[in-house]
Protein backbone atom coordinates (compact mmCIF):
# COMPACT_ATOMS: atom_id res chain seq x y z
CA MET A 1 -26.04 -3.30 -37.27
CA LEU A 2 -23.89 -0.73 -36.55
CA HIS A 3 -22.16 -0.09 -33.31
CA VAL A 4 -20.82 3.03 -32.13
CA THR A 5 -18.36 3.62 -29.48
CA ASN A 6 -15.97 5.81 -27.59
CA GLY A 7 -12.87 4.78 -29.52
CA ASP A 8 -10.50 2.06 -30.57
CA SER A 9 -9.75 0.30 -27.19
CA THR A 10 -13.42 -0.86 -27.37
CA VAL A 11 -13.62 -2.10 -30.76
CA PRO A 12 -12.01 -5.49 -30.58
CA GLY A 13 -13.96 -6.59 -27.49
CA ILE A 14 -17.26 -5.65 -29.04
CA GLU A 15 -16.16 -7.91 -32.03
CA GLY A 16 -15.41 -10.51 -30.19
CA THR A 17 -19.09 -10.48 -28.25
CA GLY A 18 -20.15 -12.31 -31.30
CA VAL A 19 -23.40 -10.35 -31.46
CA GLY A 20 -22.59 -9.01 -35.01
CA GLY A 21 -22.50 -5.91 -37.19
CA ASP A 22 -20.11 -3.04 -37.59
CA VAL A 23 -18.13 -1.47 -34.92
CA LEU A 24 -17.44 2.32 -35.26
CA PRO A 25 -15.19 4.24 -33.06
CA TRP A 26 -15.83 7.51 -32.40
CA ARG A 27 -12.17 9.38 -32.52
CA ASP A 28 -12.22 13.06 -31.17
CA VAL A 29 -11.36 14.50 -27.77
CA LEU A 30 -13.98 17.03 -27.45
CA HIS A 31 -13.22 18.14 -24.22
CA GLU A 32 -10.07 19.32 -25.72
CA GLY A 33 -10.07 22.67 -28.28
CA PRO A 34 -12.52 24.61 -29.84
CA LEU A 35 -16.30 23.18 -30.24
CA PRO A 36 -18.16 25.42 -31.97
CA THR A 37 -21.60 23.30 -32.11
CA GLY A 38 -23.29 26.19 -33.60
CA VAL A 39 -21.86 25.75 -37.11
CA GLY A 40 -22.33 23.36 -39.93
CA ALA A 41 -20.99 20.07 -39.88
CA ASP A 42 -18.12 20.71 -42.06
CA GLU A 43 -17.20 23.89 -40.18
CA LEU A 44 -17.24 21.86 -37.22
CA ARG A 45 -15.00 18.88 -38.87
CA ALA A 46 -12.35 21.67 -40.27
CA VAL A 47 -12.09 22.92 -36.54
CA ARG A 48 -11.56 19.97 -35.09
CA ALA A 49 -9.40 18.93 -37.74
CA ARG A 50 -6.92 21.75 -37.40
CA PHE A 51 -7.32 21.74 -33.64
CA LEU A 52 -5.66 18.36 -33.43
CA ALA A 53 -3.46 18.38 -36.46
CA ASP A 54 -1.91 21.50 -34.84
CA CYS A 55 -1.55 19.48 -31.35
CA GLY A 56 0.39 17.12 -33.85
CA TRP A 57 -2.01 14.33 -34.45
CA GLY A 58 -1.34 14.11 -38.04
CA ASP A 59 -2.58 15.93 -41.21
CA ALA A 60 -5.61 18.09 -41.19
CA GLU A 61 -6.90 16.76 -44.18
CA ALA A 62 -6.88 13.33 -43.25
CA ILE A 63 -8.49 13.82 -39.99
CA GLU A 64 -11.04 15.77 -41.45
CA ALA A 65 -11.69 12.91 -43.83
CA GLY A 66 -11.95 10.35 -41.24
CA MET A 67 -14.38 12.50 -39.40
CA ARG A 68 -16.40 12.94 -42.44
CA GLU A 69 -16.26 8.94 -43.19
CA ARG A 70 -17.40 8.40 -39.54
CA ASP A 71 -20.55 10.70 -39.84
CA GLU A 72 -21.64 9.10 -43.13
CA ARG A 73 -21.51 5.54 -41.62
CA LEU A 74 -23.72 6.71 -38.92
CA ARG A 75 -25.85 8.83 -41.35
CA ASP A 76 -26.27 6.23 -43.70
CA ALA A 77 -27.08 3.69 -41.19
CA LEU A 78 -29.91 5.77 -40.11
CA ALA A 79 -31.47 6.44 -43.32
CA ARG A 80 -31.13 2.59 -43.95
CA HIS A 81 -33.09 1.85 -40.83
CA GLU A 82 -29.98 -0.32 -39.92
CA VAL A 83 -30.27 -0.90 -35.96
CA VAL A 84 -27.64 1.26 -34.30
CA VAL A 85 -26.38 0.34 -31.10
CA LEU A 86 -24.42 3.25 -28.75
CA TRP A 87 -21.64 2.09 -26.50
CA PHE A 88 -20.66 4.66 -24.17
CA GLU A 89 -19.69 5.12 -20.46
CA HIS A 90 -19.87 7.67 -17.61
CA ASP A 91 -17.08 9.85 -18.05
CA LEU A 92 -16.45 13.74 -19.69
CA TYR A 93 -14.84 12.29 -22.63
CA ASP A 94 -17.77 9.80 -23.63
CA GLN A 95 -20.47 11.66 -22.45
CA LEU A 96 -19.65 14.43 -24.94
CA GLN A 97 -19.35 12.13 -27.83
CA LEU A 98 -22.54 10.70 -26.57
CA ILE A 99 -24.34 13.54 -27.09
CA GLN A 100 -22.72 14.52 -30.42
CA VAL A 101 -23.84 11.26 -31.61
CA LEU A 102 -27.43 11.87 -30.06
CA ASP A 103 -27.59 15.29 -31.88
CA ALA A 104 -27.07 13.39 -35.31
CA VAL A 105 -29.57 10.65 -34.46
CA ASP A 106 -32.26 13.52 -34.36
CA GLY A 107 -35.66 12.15 -35.23
CA ASN A 108 -34.60 8.93 -36.53
CA GLY A 109 -34.24 7.23 -33.09
CA ALA A 110 -36.56 4.52 -33.91
CA MET A 111 -34.13 1.69 -34.71
CA VAL A 112 -31.46 3.16 -32.29
CA GLU A 113 -30.37 1.26 -28.64
CA ALA A 114 -28.46 2.30 -26.14
CA ILE A 115 -25.75 0.67 -23.56
CA LEU A 116 -24.62 3.50 -21.00
CA SER A 117 -22.38 2.04 -19.00
CA ASP A 118 -20.71 3.41 -15.36
CA ARG A 119 -17.95 0.89 -16.01
CA PHE A 120 -14.83 1.32 -18.36
CA LEU A 121 -15.77 -0.18 -21.48
CA GLY A 122 -11.75 -0.38 -22.71
CA ALA A 123 -11.32 -2.03 -20.00
CA MET A 124 -14.06 -5.06 -20.26
CA ASN A 125 -13.26 -8.25 -22.18
CA ALA A 126 -15.61 -9.63 -24.67
CA GLY A 127 -17.09 -11.72 -22.00
CA GLU A 128 -18.05 -8.76 -19.96
CA LEU A 129 -19.04 -6.53 -23.02
CA ALA A 130 -21.60 -9.29 -23.68
CA ALA A 131 -22.80 -9.07 -20.36
CA LEU A 132 -24.14 -6.02 -20.78
CA TRP A 133 -25.82 -7.07 -24.43
CA PRO A 134 -29.17 -8.10 -22.92
CA ASP A 135 -29.19 -4.30 -20.68
CA ARG A 136 -29.71 -2.55 -24.13
CA THR A 137 -32.68 0.05 -24.29
CA PRO A 138 -34.53 1.49 -27.01
CA LEU A 139 -33.42 5.11 -27.45
CA ARG A 140 -36.36 7.75 -26.14
CA SER A 141 -37.04 10.71 -27.71
CA ASP A 142 -36.40 12.83 -24.26
CA GLN A 143 -32.84 11.34 -24.37
CA VAL A 144 -32.59 12.55 -28.03
CA ALA A 145 -34.01 15.95 -27.08
CA LEU A 146 -31.68 16.61 -23.91
CA ALA A 147 -28.75 15.80 -25.90
CA ARG A 148 -29.47 18.10 -28.32
CA PHE A 149 -29.62 20.90 -26.24
CA ALA A 150 -26.70 20.26 -23.92
CA TRP A 151 -24.71 19.72 -27.33
CA GLU A 152 -26.38 23.38 -28.48
CA ALA A 153 -25.10 24.71 -24.66
CA VAL A 154 -21.74 22.67 -24.64
CA GLY A 155 -20.39 24.50 -27.71
CA ALA A 156 -21.84 28.53 -26.97
CA PRO A 157 -19.38 30.82 -25.95
CA ASP A 158 -20.62 31.24 -22.69
CA PRO A 159 -21.79 28.41 -19.59
CA HIS A 160 -25.50 29.57 -19.40
CA GLY A 161 -26.97 27.01 -21.63
CA ILE A 162 -25.11 24.41 -19.11
CA GLU A 163 -25.97 25.63 -16.45
CA ALA A 164 -29.39 26.09 -16.96
CA LEU A 165 -29.12 22.23 -17.48
CA LEU A 166 -27.46 21.83 -14.42
CA ASN A 167 -30.13 23.92 -12.51
CA THR A 168 -33.45 22.05 -14.07
CA HIS A 169 -32.43 18.18 -14.56
CA THR A 170 -30.68 15.83 -16.84
CA ALA A 171 -32.11 12.37 -15.62
CA ALA A 172 -32.80 11.14 -19.01
CA LEU A 173 -29.19 10.56 -19.51
CA PRO A 174 -27.75 9.51 -16.11
CA HIS A 175 -24.27 10.38 -16.27
CA LEU A 176 -24.42 13.81 -17.90
CA GLY A 177 -25.19 16.29 -15.26
CA ALA A 178 -21.58 15.24 -13.66
CA ALA A 179 -19.78 15.21 -16.98
CA LEU A 180 -21.15 19.05 -17.62
CA ARG A 181 -20.27 20.05 -14.13
CA ARG A 182 -16.68 18.19 -14.94
CA LEU A 183 -16.44 20.33 -18.20
CA LEU A 184 -17.03 23.62 -16.17
CA GLU A 185 -14.53 22.59 -13.74
CA GLU A 186 -11.82 23.21 -16.75
CA LEU A 187 -12.83 27.27 -16.23
CA PRO A 188 -10.06 28.95 -14.41
CA ALA A 189 -11.02 28.89 -10.81
CA VAL A 190 -11.89 32.22 -8.49
CA GLY A 191 -8.98 33.05 -6.85
CA ASP A 192 -6.27 30.66 -8.12
CA GLY A 193 -6.79 30.76 -11.59
CA LEU A 194 -6.40 26.85 -12.20
CA ALA A 195 -8.47 24.69 -13.86
CA ARG A 196 -9.46 21.43 -11.58
CA THR A 197 -7.03 19.30 -13.77
CA GLU A 198 -3.94 22.04 -13.36
CA ARG A 199 -4.51 21.95 -9.59
CA GLN A 200 -4.58 17.94 -9.25
CA ALA A 201 -1.25 18.45 -11.33
CA LEU A 202 0.78 20.73 -9.14
CA GLU A 203 -1.05 19.16 -5.85
CA ALA A 204 0.64 15.63 -7.18
CA ILE A 205 3.69 17.37 -7.54
CA ALA A 206 3.94 19.35 -4.37
CA ALA A 207 2.97 15.69 -2.97
CA GLY A 208 6.21 14.03 -4.63
CA ALA A 209 5.20 12.85 -7.96
CA ARG A 210 8.32 13.63 -9.77
CA THR A 211 7.73 12.39 -13.59
CA PRO A 212 5.03 13.46 -15.94
CA PHE A 213 3.89 9.50 -16.08
CA GLU A 214 3.35 9.58 -11.84
CA VAL A 215 1.63 13.25 -12.27
CA PHE A 216 -0.84 11.55 -14.58
CA VAL A 217 -1.54 8.34 -12.45
CA ALA A 218 -2.11 10.66 -9.27
CA THR A 219 -4.46 13.08 -11.42
CA GLN A 220 -6.40 9.68 -12.52
CA ARG A 221 -6.62 8.73 -9.27
CA ALA A 222 -8.32 12.49 -7.85
CA GLU A 223 -11.36 12.28 -10.66
CA GLU A 224 -14.80 10.38 -9.49
CA ALA A 225 -14.01 9.23 -13.43
CA PRO A 226 -11.29 9.46 -15.11
CA PHE A 227 -11.46 11.22 -18.55
CA LEU A 228 -8.01 12.74 -19.66
CA GLY A 229 -5.64 10.85 -21.72
CA ASP A 230 -2.19 10.97 -20.79
CA THR A 231 -0.68 12.79 -23.99
CA TRP A 232 -3.32 15.60 -23.04
CA MET A 233 -2.03 15.42 -19.52
CA TRP A 234 1.47 16.16 -21.03
CA THR A 235 -0.11 19.25 -22.89
CA ARG A 236 -1.24 20.64 -19.84
CA LEU A 237 2.00 20.18 -17.84
CA ALA A 238 3.61 21.51 -21.01
CA GLU A 239 1.36 24.56 -20.53
CA LEU A 240 2.16 25.10 -17.23
CA GLY A 241 5.89 24.74 -17.91
CA SER A 242 5.93 27.83 -19.95
CA GLY A 243 6.91 31.52 -19.90
CA ALA A 244 8.58 33.33 -17.57
CA ASP A 245 6.66 32.92 -14.50
CA ALA A 246 6.03 29.14 -15.09
CA LEU A 247 4.89 27.02 -12.00
CA VAL A 248 6.65 23.67 -13.06
CA GLN A 249 9.97 23.21 -14.13
CA THR A 250 12.59 20.49 -14.42
CA ALA A 251 14.65 19.76 -11.29
CA ASP A 252 17.57 21.34 -12.84
CA GLY A 253 15.51 24.53 -13.47
CA ALA A 254 14.55 24.24 -17.33
CA PRO A 255 11.67 24.92 -19.23
CA LEU A 256 9.61 21.32 -19.70
CA GLY A 257 9.44 22.02 -23.81
CA PRO A 258 6.80 20.67 -25.80
CA PRO A 259 4.74 17.72 -25.25
CA PRO A 260 4.36 14.63 -27.11
CA PRO A 261 3.46 13.86 -29.67
CA GLN A 262 5.26 17.29 -30.45
CA SER A 263 8.22 16.10 -29.26
CA ASP A 264 10.06 12.95 -28.22
CA ALA A 265 8.04 10.98 -25.40
CA ASN A 266 10.65 9.10 -23.70
CA GLY A 267 12.67 12.29 -23.37
CA PHE A 268 9.65 14.20 -22.01
CA LEU A 269 8.33 11.26 -20.02
CA ALA A 270 12.43 10.97 -18.49
CA ARG A 271 11.91 14.54 -16.76
CA GLU A 272 12.08 14.87 -13.31
CA LEU A 273 9.51 17.60 -12.12
CA GLU A 274 8.97 20.33 -9.36
CA LEU A 275 7.16 23.16 -8.82
CA THR A 276 8.46 26.79 -8.84
CA ASP A 277 8.04 29.72 -6.51
CA ALA A 278 5.37 30.81 -8.60
CA GLY A 279 4.03 27.41 -8.62
CA ARG A 280 3.77 26.92 -4.94
CA ALA A 281 2.34 30.33 -4.44
CA VAL A 282 -0.33 29.44 -7.25
CA LEU A 283 -1.61 26.23 -5.39
CA ALA A 284 -1.62 27.93 -1.83
CA GLY A 285 -3.78 30.91 -3.33
CA GLU A 286 -1.33 33.68 -3.22
CA ALA A 287 -1.23 33.88 -7.00
CA ASP A 288 -3.27 33.98 -10.11
CA ARG A 289 -2.12 31.41 -12.97
CA ALA A 290 -4.44 33.08 -15.50
CA ALA A 291 -2.00 36.33 -14.79
CA LEU A 292 1.42 34.65 -14.90
CA VAL A 293 0.90 31.84 -17.22
CA PRO A 294 0.09 32.17 -20.95
CA LEU A 295 -3.63 31.03 -21.51
CA ASP A 296 -5.09 30.18 -24.40
CA ARG A 297 -7.68 27.15 -24.83
CA TRP A 298 -11.38 26.29 -24.92
CA VAL A 299 -13.58 24.43 -22.63
CA GLY A 300 -16.23 23.85 -25.19
CA GLY A 301 -17.50 26.94 -27.18
CA ILE A 302 -16.00 29.25 -24.51
CA HIS A 303 -12.60 30.39 -25.44
CA VAL A 304 -10.77 31.16 -22.19
CA THR A 305 -7.62 33.41 -22.55
CA GLY A 306 -5.25 35.20 -19.98
CA PRO A 307 -4.61 37.69 -18.01
CA GLU A 308 -8.39 38.29 -17.37
CA PRO A 309 -10.66 35.48 -18.52
CA ALA A 310 -14.35 36.12 -19.06
CA TRP A 311 -15.10 33.07 -17.14
CA ARG A 312 -14.53 31.60 -13.92
CA TRP A 313 -15.47 28.43 -11.83
CA ASP A 314 -16.18 29.34 -8.19
CA ARG A 315 -15.36 26.40 -6.19
CA ALA A 316 -17.54 27.69 -3.10
CA THR A 317 -20.86 27.91 -4.88
CA ALA A 318 -19.96 25.24 -7.76
CA ARG A 319 -20.91 27.65 -10.56
CA ALA A 320 -19.17 29.64 -13.61
CA VAL A 321 -19.18 33.77 -12.38
CA SER A 322 -18.36 36.43 -15.08
CA ALA A 323 -15.55 38.60 -14.77
CA SER A 324 -17.80 41.35 -16.39
CA GLY A 325 -21.25 41.48 -14.67
CA GLY A 326 -22.70 38.22 -15.77
CA GLY A 327 -22.74 37.10 -12.49
CA PRO A 328 -20.55 37.46 -9.28
CA ARG A 329 -17.50 39.35 -9.89
CA ALA A 330 -14.44 36.64 -9.72
CA ARG A 331 -12.07 37.81 -6.46
CA ARG A 332 -8.48 38.00 -6.81
């Protein structure tokens, strides 16, 4: 038996349940960086490994080798008709991993079972995880079909596929719809140009959060299903604190500098933060973050660049809009 789960924090708990089998953590933060799902497995692993290495998470070749070993372990388990049990929860981080795994399962779902929790697995002890064991259910063909469509849609260079899913139904995977909508909320918003994570960070600082850790805690509280790890929040803060028109700076007016793991964590976390005049203007909707601060990031397969992002999120209508005619034009 092979258990596949969301990361290393859940592994000891599953091992401690006594149900037996190997535990395979799915180590990738798919809501960050490029995610071209329409390419072959080798190319996708190479793209993801290069991105993670550039962010300071190790050697690209070693990361890619780990991903290859992970994928081969799942493939071999399916080929040998091992029982495969999927343990994933409701947040964006897990739901993207889940649809990637289900895309790999494809038509081999006869021996696959799933535990799809609305609670955070990594916070549970072995006894709590064991209590979920009787509720596991066999994987259904409609779940695999939905996951394959969603995986393709997430990696597309535009949001049409995701919105098509959101406008129909995602009931076969009950947590997927909310997660995909949360992904699109990371597009620059109409008006202020802020991704939801960025807006929550600026709001936290405006409300009195002074250190990167305090900002992280506040943004976690603002989420219906928290998904962003602390180091990725440091990355967002560093982005907002870069350039001549930075939105965030240290209390003494200095730039934030590179985030961990590209810098010393203790030094970065000790910084006291404040909004700049530009940051206050953007938060008030009087200026556009996309035009002020360098913008070069990914929302799945959508490459988001400034100063004129091709796609934005309209908070009023809860939909993605194009700046070039594919939907309502983004307001300035």
